[in-house]
Structure formats: C-alpha cells, structure tokens
PDB file of all heavy atoms in Angstrom:
ATOM      1  N   GLY A   1       0.813  -1.205   0.000  1.00  0.00           N
ATOM      2  CA  GLY A   1       0.000   0.000   0.000  1.00  0.00           C
ATOM      3  C   GLY A   1       0.845   1.252   0.000  1.00  0.00           C
ATOM      4  O   GLY A   1       1.982   1.268   0.484  1.00  0.00           O
ATOM      5  N   ASN A   2       0.314   2.305  -0.578  1.00  0.00           N
ATOM      6  CA  ASN A   2       0.989   3.599  -0.629  1.00  0.00           C
ATOM      7  C   ASN A   2       0.000   4.662  -0.179  1.00  0.00           C
ATOM      8  O   ASN A   2      -0.845   5.117  -0.932  1.00  0.00           O
ATOM      9  CB  ASN A   2       1.485   3.882  -2.047  1.00  0.00           C
ATOM     10  CG  ASN A   2       2.380   5.099  -2.102  1.00  0.00           C
ATOM     11  OD1 ASN A   2       2.499   5.858  -1.143  1.00  0.00           O
ATOM     12  ND2 ASN A   2       3.009   5.306  -3.246  1.00  0.00           N
ATOM     13  N   ILE A   3       0.096   4.989   1.110  1.00  0.00           N
ATOM     14  CA  ILE A   3      -0.744   6.052   1.676  1.00  0.00           C
ATOM     15  C   ILE A   3       0.198   7.230   1.902  1.00  0.00           C
ATOM     16  O   ILE A   3       0.731   7.418   2.993  1.00  0.00           O
ATOM     17  CB  ILE A   3      -1.408   5.596   2.987  1.00  0.00           C
ATOM     18  CG1 ILE A   3      -2.132   4.262   2.772  1.00  0.00           C
ATOM     19  CG2 ILE A   3      -2.396   6.650   3.476  1.00  0.00           C
ATOM     20  CD1 ILE A   3      -2.674   3.653   4.041  1.00  0.00           C
ATOM     21  N   ARG A   4       0.461   7.963   0.856  1.00  0.00           N
ATOM     22  CA  ARG A   4       1.523   8.964   0.854  1.00  0.00           C
ATOM     23  C   ARG A   4       1.468   9.857   2.090  1.00  0.00           C
ATOM     24  O   ARG A   4       0.395  10.324   2.471  1.00  0.00           O
ATOM     25  CB  ARG A   4       1.440   9.817  -0.424  1.00  0.00           C
ATOM     26  CG  ARG A   4       1.705   9.009  -1.692  1.00  0.00           C
ATOM     27  CD  ARG A   4       1.576   9.871  -2.941  1.00  0.00           C
ATOM     28  NE  ARG A   4       1.880   9.124  -4.150  1.00  0.00           N
ATOM     29  CZ  ARG A   4       1.011   8.356  -4.786  1.00  0.00           C
ATOM     30  NH1 ARG A   4      -0.227   8.248  -4.334  1.00  0.00           N
ATOM     31  NH2 ARG A   4       1.364   7.698  -5.871  1.00  0.00           N
ATOM     32  N   PRO A   5       2.645  10.020   2.746  1.00  0.00           N
ATOM     33  CA  PRO A   5       3.993   9.576   2.368  1.00  0.00           C
ATOM     34  C   PRO A   5       4.390   8.226   2.970  1.00  0.00           C
ATOM     35  O   PRO A   5       5.568   7.905   3.023  1.00  0.00           O
ATOM     36  CB  PRO A   5       4.869  10.689   2.929  1.00  0.00           C
ATOM     37  CG  PRO A   5       4.166  11.077   4.196  1.00  0.00           C
ATOM     38  CD  PRO A   5       2.695  10.940   3.915  1.00  0.00           C
ATOM     39  N   VAL A   6       3.439   7.434   3.449  1.00  0.00           N
ATOM     40  CA  VAL A   6       3.726   6.168   4.109  1.00  0.00           C
ATOM     41  C   VAL A   6       3.508   5.009   3.143  1.00  0.00           C
ATOM     42  O   VAL A   6       2.524   4.982   2.399  1.00  0.00           O
ATOM     43  CB  VAL A   6       2.827   5.990   5.350  1.00  0.00           C
ATOM     44  CG1 VAL A   6       3.059   4.623   5.992  1.00  0.00           C
ATOM     45  CG2 VAL A   6       3.091   7.102   6.367  1.00  0.00           C
ATOM     46  N   THR A   7       4.443   4.052   3.146  1.00  0.00           N
ATOM     47  CA  THR A   7       4.277   2.818   2.379  1.00  0.00           C
ATOM     48  C   THR A   7       4.101   1.649   3.346  1.00  0.00           C
ATOM     49  O   THR A   7       4.675   1.640   4.443  1.00  0.00           O
ATOM     50  CB  THR A   7       5.484   2.545   1.471  1.00  0.00           C
ATOM     51  OG1 THR A   7       6.670   2.423   2.275  1.00  0.00           O
ATOM     52  CG2 THR A   7       5.662   3.670   0.460  1.00  0.00           C
ATOM     53  N   ILE A   8       3.327   0.669   2.924  1.00  0.00           N
ATOM     54  CA  ILE A   8       3.021  -0.475   3.780  1.00  0.00           C
ATOM     55  C   ILE A   8       3.205  -1.761   2.987  1.00  0.00           C
ATOM     56  O   ILE A   8       2.785  -1.860   1.830  1.00  0.00           O
ATOM     57  CB  ILE A   8       1.578  -0.408   4.315  1.00  0.00           C
ATOM     58  CG1 ILE A   8       1.336   0.888   5.097  1.00  0.00           C
ATOM     59  CG2 ILE A   8       1.264  -1.610   5.201  1.00  0.00           C
ATOM     60  CD1 ILE A   8      -0.117   1.115   5.450  1.00  0.00           C
ATOM     61  N   ALA A   9       3.827  -2.746   3.619  1.00  0.00           N
ATOM     62  CA  ALA A   9       3.895  -4.099   3.068  1.00  0.00           C
ATOM     63  C   ALA A   9       3.456  -5.050   4.173  1.00  0.00           C
ATOM     64  O   ALA A   9       3.978  -4.995   5.293  1.00  0.00           O
ATOM     65  CB  ALA A   9       5.309  -4.435   2.606  1.00  0.00           C
ATOM     66  N   ALA A  10       2.489  -5.896   3.880  1.00  0.00           N
ATOM     67  CA  ALA A  10       1.998  -6.864   4.863  1.00  0.00           C
ATOM     68  C   ALA A  10       1.892  -8.222   4.187  1.00  0.00           C
ATOM     69  O   ALA A  10       1.653  -8.320   2.974  1.00  0.00           O
ATOM     70  CB  ALA A  10       0.645  -6.433   5.414  1.00  0.00           C
ATOM     71  N   SER A  11       2.069  -9.284   4.969  1.00  0.00           N
ATOM     72  CA  SER A  11       2.062 -10.621   4.379  1.00  0.00           C
ATOM     73  C   SER A  11       1.593 -11.659   5.384  1.00  0.00           C
ATOM     74  O   SER A  11       1.696 -11.477   6.601  1.00  0.00           O
ATOM     75  CB  SER A  11       3.469 -10.988   3.885  1.00  0.00           C
ATOM     76  OG  SER A  11       4.379 -11.015   4.968  1.00  0.00           O
ATOM     77  N   ALA A  12       1.082 -12.736   4.853  1.00  0.00           N
ATOM     78  CA  ALA A  12       0.732 -13.914   5.642  1.00  0.00           C
ATOM     79  C   ALA A  12       1.218 -15.133   4.873  1.00  0.00           C
ATOM     80  O   ALA A  12       1.153 -15.159   3.642  1.00  0.00           O
ATOM     81  CB  ALA A  12      -0.776 -13.990   5.863  1.00  0.00           C
ATOM     82  N   GLN A  13       1.746 -16.137   5.579  1.00  0.00           N
ATOM     83  CA  GLN A  13       2.212 -17.336   4.900  1.00  0.00           C
ATOM     84  C   GLN A  13       1.725 -18.590   5.618  1.00  0.00           C
ATOM     85  O   GLN A  13       1.452 -18.589   6.819  1.00  0.00           O
ATOM     86  CB  GLN A  13       3.729 -17.367   4.772  1.00  0.00           C
ATOM     87  CG  GLN A  13       4.485 -17.682   6.050  1.00  0.00           C
ATOM     88  CD  GLN A  13       5.969 -17.935   5.798  1.00  0.00           C
ATOM     89  OE1 GLN A  13       6.480 -17.793   4.701  1.00  0.00           O
ATOM     90  NE2 GLN A  13       6.681 -18.331   6.843  1.00  0.00           N
ATOM     91  N   PHE A  14       1.643 -19.674   4.842  1.00  0.00           N
ATOM     92  CA  PHE A  14       1.188 -20.969   5.329  1.00  0.00           C
ATOM     93  C   PHE A  14       2.062 -22.014   4.661  1.00  0.00           C
ATOM     94  O   PHE A  14       2.219 -22.009   3.436  1.00  0.00           O
ATOM     95  CB  PHE A  14      -0.290 -21.142   4.940  1.00  0.00           C
ATOM     96  CG  PHE A  14      -0.844 -22.518   5.142  1.00  0.00           C
ATOM     97  CD1 PHE A  14      -1.410 -22.880   6.348  1.00  0.00           C
ATOM     98  CD2 PHE A  14      -0.816 -23.454   4.114  1.00  0.00           C
ATOM     99  CE1 PHE A  14      -1.938 -24.157   6.532  1.00  0.00           C
ATOM    100  CE2 PHE A  14      -1.345 -24.728   4.279  1.00  0.00           C
ATOM    101  CZ  PHE A  14      -1.899 -25.074   5.499  1.00  0.00           C
ATOM    102  N   VAL A  15       2.657 -22.891   5.450  1.00  0.00           N
ATOM    103  CA  VAL A  15       3.504 -23.958   4.915  1.00  0.00           C
ATOM    104  C   VAL A  15       3.112 -25.256   5.595  1.00  0.00           C
ATOM    105  O   VAL A  15       3.002 -25.307   6.827  1.00  0.00           O
ATOM    106  CB  VAL A  15       5.006 -23.689   5.150  1.00  0.00           C
ATOM    107  CG1 VAL A  15       5.854 -24.765   4.469  1.00  0.00           C
ATOM    108  CG2 VAL A  15       5.411 -22.309   4.665  1.00  0.00           C
ATOM    109  N   THR A  16       2.892 -26.306   4.819  1.00  0.00           N
ATOM    110  CA  THR A  16       2.533 -27.591   5.402  1.00  0.00           C
ATOM    111  C   THR A  16       3.257 -28.710   4.669  1.00  0.00           C
ATOM    112  O   THR A  16       3.585 -28.587   3.482  1.00  0.00           O
ATOM    113  CB  THR A  16       1.010 -27.811   5.353  1.00  0.00           C
ATOM    114  OG1 THR A  16       0.679 -29.019   6.041  1.00  0.00           O
ATOM    115  CG2 THR A  16       0.503 -27.911   3.919  1.00  0.00           C
ATOM    116  N   GLY A  17       3.525 -29.791   5.382  1.00  0.00           N
ATOM    117  CA  GLY A  17       4.193 -30.926   4.785  1.00  0.00           C
ATOM    118  C   GLY A  17       3.817 -32.212   5.494  1.00  0.00           C
ATOM    119  O   GLY A  17       3.509 -32.213   6.692  1.00  0.00           O
ATOM    120  N   SER A  18       3.845 -33.302   4.768  1.00  0.00           N
ATOM    121  CA  SER A  18       3.527 -34.617   5.319  1.00  0.00           C
ATOM    122  C   SER A  18       4.812 -35.381   5.600  1.00  0.00           C
ATOM    123  O   SER A  18       5.773 -35.314   4.822  1.00  0.00           O
ATOM    124  CB  SER A  18       2.670 -35.418   4.334  1.00  0.00           C
ATOM    125  OG  SER A  18       1.457 -34.747   4.058  1.00  0.00           O
ATOM    126  N   ALA A  19       4.821 -36.099   6.708  1.00  0.00           N
ATOM    127  CA  ALA A  19       5.979 -36.928   7.024  1.00  0.00           C
ATOM    128  C   ALA A  19       6.088 -38.052   6.004  1.00  0.00           C
ATOM    129  O   ALA A  19       5.094 -38.701   5.674  1.00  0.00           O
ATOM    130  CB  ALA A  19       5.845 -37.495   8.426  1.00  0.00           C
ATOM    131  N   SER A  20       7.286 -38.259   5.478  1.00  0.00           N
ATOM    132  CA  SER A  20       7.498 -39.341   4.525  1.00  0.00           C
ATOM    133  C   SER A  20       7.675 -40.658   5.278  1.00  0.00           C
ATOM    134  O   SER A  20       7.640 -40.710   6.510  1.00  0.00           O
ATOM    135  CB  SER A  20       8.740 -39.051   3.674  1.00  0.00           C
ATOM    136  OG  SER A  20       9.906 -39.158   4.480  1.00  0.00           O
ATOM    137  N   HIS A  21       7.901 -41.724   4.527  1.00  0.00           N
ATOM    138  CA  HIS A  21       8.129 -43.032   5.137  1.00  0.00           C
ATOM    139  C   HIS A  21       9.558 -43.175   5.648  1.00  0.00           C
ATOM    140  O   HIS A  21       9.885 -44.172   6.304  1.00  0.00           O
ATOM    141  CB  HIS A  21       7.812 -44.139   4.130  1.00  0.00           C
ATOM    142  CG  HIS A  21       6.382 -44.170   3.707  1.00  0.00           C
ATOM    143  ND1 HIS A  21       5.378 -44.658   4.505  1.00  0.00           N
ATOM    144  CD2 HIS A  21       5.773 -43.745   2.573  1.00  0.00           C
ATOM    145  CE1 HIS A  21       4.215 -44.562   3.884  1.00  0.00           C
ATOM    146  NE2 HIS A  21       4.423 -43.998   2.704  1.00  0.00           N
ATOM    147  N   VAL A  22      10.402 -42.222   5.338  1.00  0.00           N
ATOM    148  CA  VAL A  22      11.798 -42.280   5.763  1.00  0.00           C
ATOM    149  C   VAL A  22      11.893 -41.925   7.238  1.00  0.00           C
ATOM    150  O   VAL A  22      11.293 -40.953   7.705  1.00  0.00           O
ATOM    151  CB  VAL A  22      12.663 -41.313   4.932  1.00  0.00           C
ATOM    152  CG1 VAL A  22      14.102 -41.352   5.400  1.00  0.00           C
ATOM    153  CG2 VAL A  22      12.579 -41.677   3.469  1.00  0.00           C
ATOM    154  N   THR A  23      12.630 -42.697   7.998  1.00  0.00           N
ATOM    155  CA  THR A  23      12.798 -42.417   9.420  1.00  0.00           C
ATOM    156  C   THR A  23      13.819 -41.309   9.630  1.00  0.00           C
ATOM    157  O   THR A  23      14.693 -41.080   8.797  1.00  0.00           O
ATOM    158  CB  THR A  23      13.242 -43.681  10.180  1.00  0.00           C
ATOM    159  OG1 THR A  23      14.464 -44.166   9.605  1.00  0.00           O
ATOM    160  CG2 THR A  23      12.166 -44.749  10.091  1.00  0.00           C
ATOM    161  N   GLY A  24      13.698 -40.627  10.750  1.00  0.00           N
ATOM    162  CA  GLY A  24      14.533 -39.459  11.013  1.00  0.00           C
ATOM    163  C   GLY A  24      16.008 -39.742  11.013  1.00  0.00           C
ATOM    164  O   GLY A  24      16.810 -38.894  10.613  1.00  0.00           O
ATOM    165  N   ASP A  25      16.426 -40.943  11.449  1.00  0.00           N
ATOM    166  CA  ASP A  25      17.849 -41.247  11.510  1.00  0.00           C
ATOM    167  C   ASP A  25      18.462 -41.387  10.119  1.00  0.00           C
ATOM    168  O   ASP A  25      19.683 -41.423   9.982  1.00  0.00           O
ATOM    169  CB  ASP A  25      18.093 -42.514  12.327  1.00  0.00           C
ATOM    170  CG  ASP A  25      17.319 -43.713  11.792  1.00  0.00           C
ATOM    171  OD1 ASP A  25      16.101 -43.577  11.617  1.00  0.00           O
ATOM    172  OD2 ASP A  25      17.935 -44.773  11.571  1.00  0.00           O
ATOM    173  N   ASN A  26      17.622 -41.471   9.065  1.00  0.00           N
ATOM    174  CA  ASN A  26      18.122 -41.545   7.690  1.00  0.00           C
ATOM    175  C   ASN A  26      18.067 -40.199   6.979  1.00  0.00           C
ATOM    176  O   ASN A  26      18.174 -40.128   5.749  1.00  0.00           O
ATOM    177  CB  ASN A  26      17.325 -42.571   6.890  1.00  0.00           C
ATOM    178  CG  ASN A  26      17.714 -43.994   7.227  1.00  0.00           C
ATOM    179  OD1 ASN A  26      18.891 -44.272   7.457  1.00  0.00           O
ATOM    180  ND2 ASN A  26      16.748 -44.885   7.296  1.00  0.00           N
ATOM    181  N   THR A  27      17.869 -39.119   7.709  1.00  0.00           N
ATOM    182  CA  THR A  27      17.854 -37.787   7.128  1.00  0.00           C
ATOM    183  C   THR A  27      18.940 -36.943   7.772  1.00  0.00           C
ATOM    184  O   THR A  27      19.368 -37.200   8.890  1.00  0.00           O
ATOM    185  CB  THR A  27      16.499 -37.086   7.340  1.00  0.00           C
ATOM    186  OG1 THR A  27      16.368 -36.728   8.720  1.00  0.00           O
ATOM    187  CG2 THR A  27      15.344 -37.986   6.942  1.00  0.00           C
ATOM    188  N   THR A  28      19.384 -35.905   7.053  1.00  0.00           N
ATOM    189  CA  THR A  28      20.392 -35.033   7.637  1.00  0.00           C
ATOM    190  C   THR A  28      19.774 -34.061   8.641  1.00  0.00           C
ATOM    191  O   THR A  28      20.406 -33.681   9.618  1.00  0.00           O
ATOM    192  CB  THR A  28      21.123 -34.231   6.541  1.00  0.00           C
ATOM    193  OG1 THR A  28      20.161 -33.531   5.757  1.00  0.00           O
ATOM    194  CG2 THR A  28      21.928 -35.140   5.649  1.00  0.00           C
ATOM    195  N   LEU A  29      18.522 -33.653   8.428  1.00  0.00           N
ATOM    196  CA  LEU A  29      17.907 -32.666   9.322  1.00  0.00           C
ATOM    197  C   LEU A  29      17.512 -33.264  10.659  1.00  0.00           C
ATOM    198  O   LEU A  29      17.451 -32.571  11.672  1.00  0.00           O
ATOM    199  CB  LEU A  29      16.682 -32.030   8.656  1.00  0.00           C
ATOM    200  CG  LEU A  29      16.953 -31.190   7.416  1.00  0.00           C
ATOM    201  CD1 LEU A  29      15.673 -30.526   6.942  1.00  0.00           C
ATOM    202  CD2 LEU A  29      18.009 -30.140   7.673  1.00  0.00           C
ATOM    203  N   LEU A  30      17.200 -34.553  10.692  1.00  0.00           N
ATOM    204  CA  LEU A  30      16.814 -35.211  11.943  1.00  0.00           C
ATOM    205  C   LEU A  30      17.724 -36.407  12.214  1.00  0.00           C
ATOM    206  O   LEU A  30      17.297 -37.424  12.755  1.00  0.00           O
ATOM    207  CB  LEU A  30      15.351 -35.671  11.872  1.00  0.00           C
ATOM    208  CG  LEU A  30      14.290 -34.570  11.943  1.00  0.00           C
ATOM    209  CD1 LEU A  30      12.904 -35.157  11.723  1.00  0.00           C
ATOM    210  CD2 LEU A  30      14.341 -33.847  13.275  1.00  0.00           C
ATOM    211  N   GLY A  31      18.987 -36.258  11.850  1.00  0.00           N
ATOM    212  CA  GLY A  31      19.919 -37.371  11.949  1.00  0.00           C
ATOM    213  C   GLY A  31      20.149 -37.888  13.355  1.00  0.00           C
ATOM    214  O   GLY A  31      20.617 -39.004  13.544  1.00  0.00           O
TER     215      GLY A  31
END
C-alpha cells in the first residue's frame, strides 16, 4: 500500500508438509 507519504507491506504465509516413510535417523535434518 501507498498512503503517501507512508508505504506499507503486509504478508501472511502458510507452509505444510507430510511426514514421509523415511525415518529421522536416515535424514540429515533429523539425523
């Protein structure tokens, strides 16, 4: 938005994921 002389940026995000069949000890992130 541009409400002169002020500018505005706003955001919302959503992220989702399903656990795979791989166990955590076989991944680098959950090693």
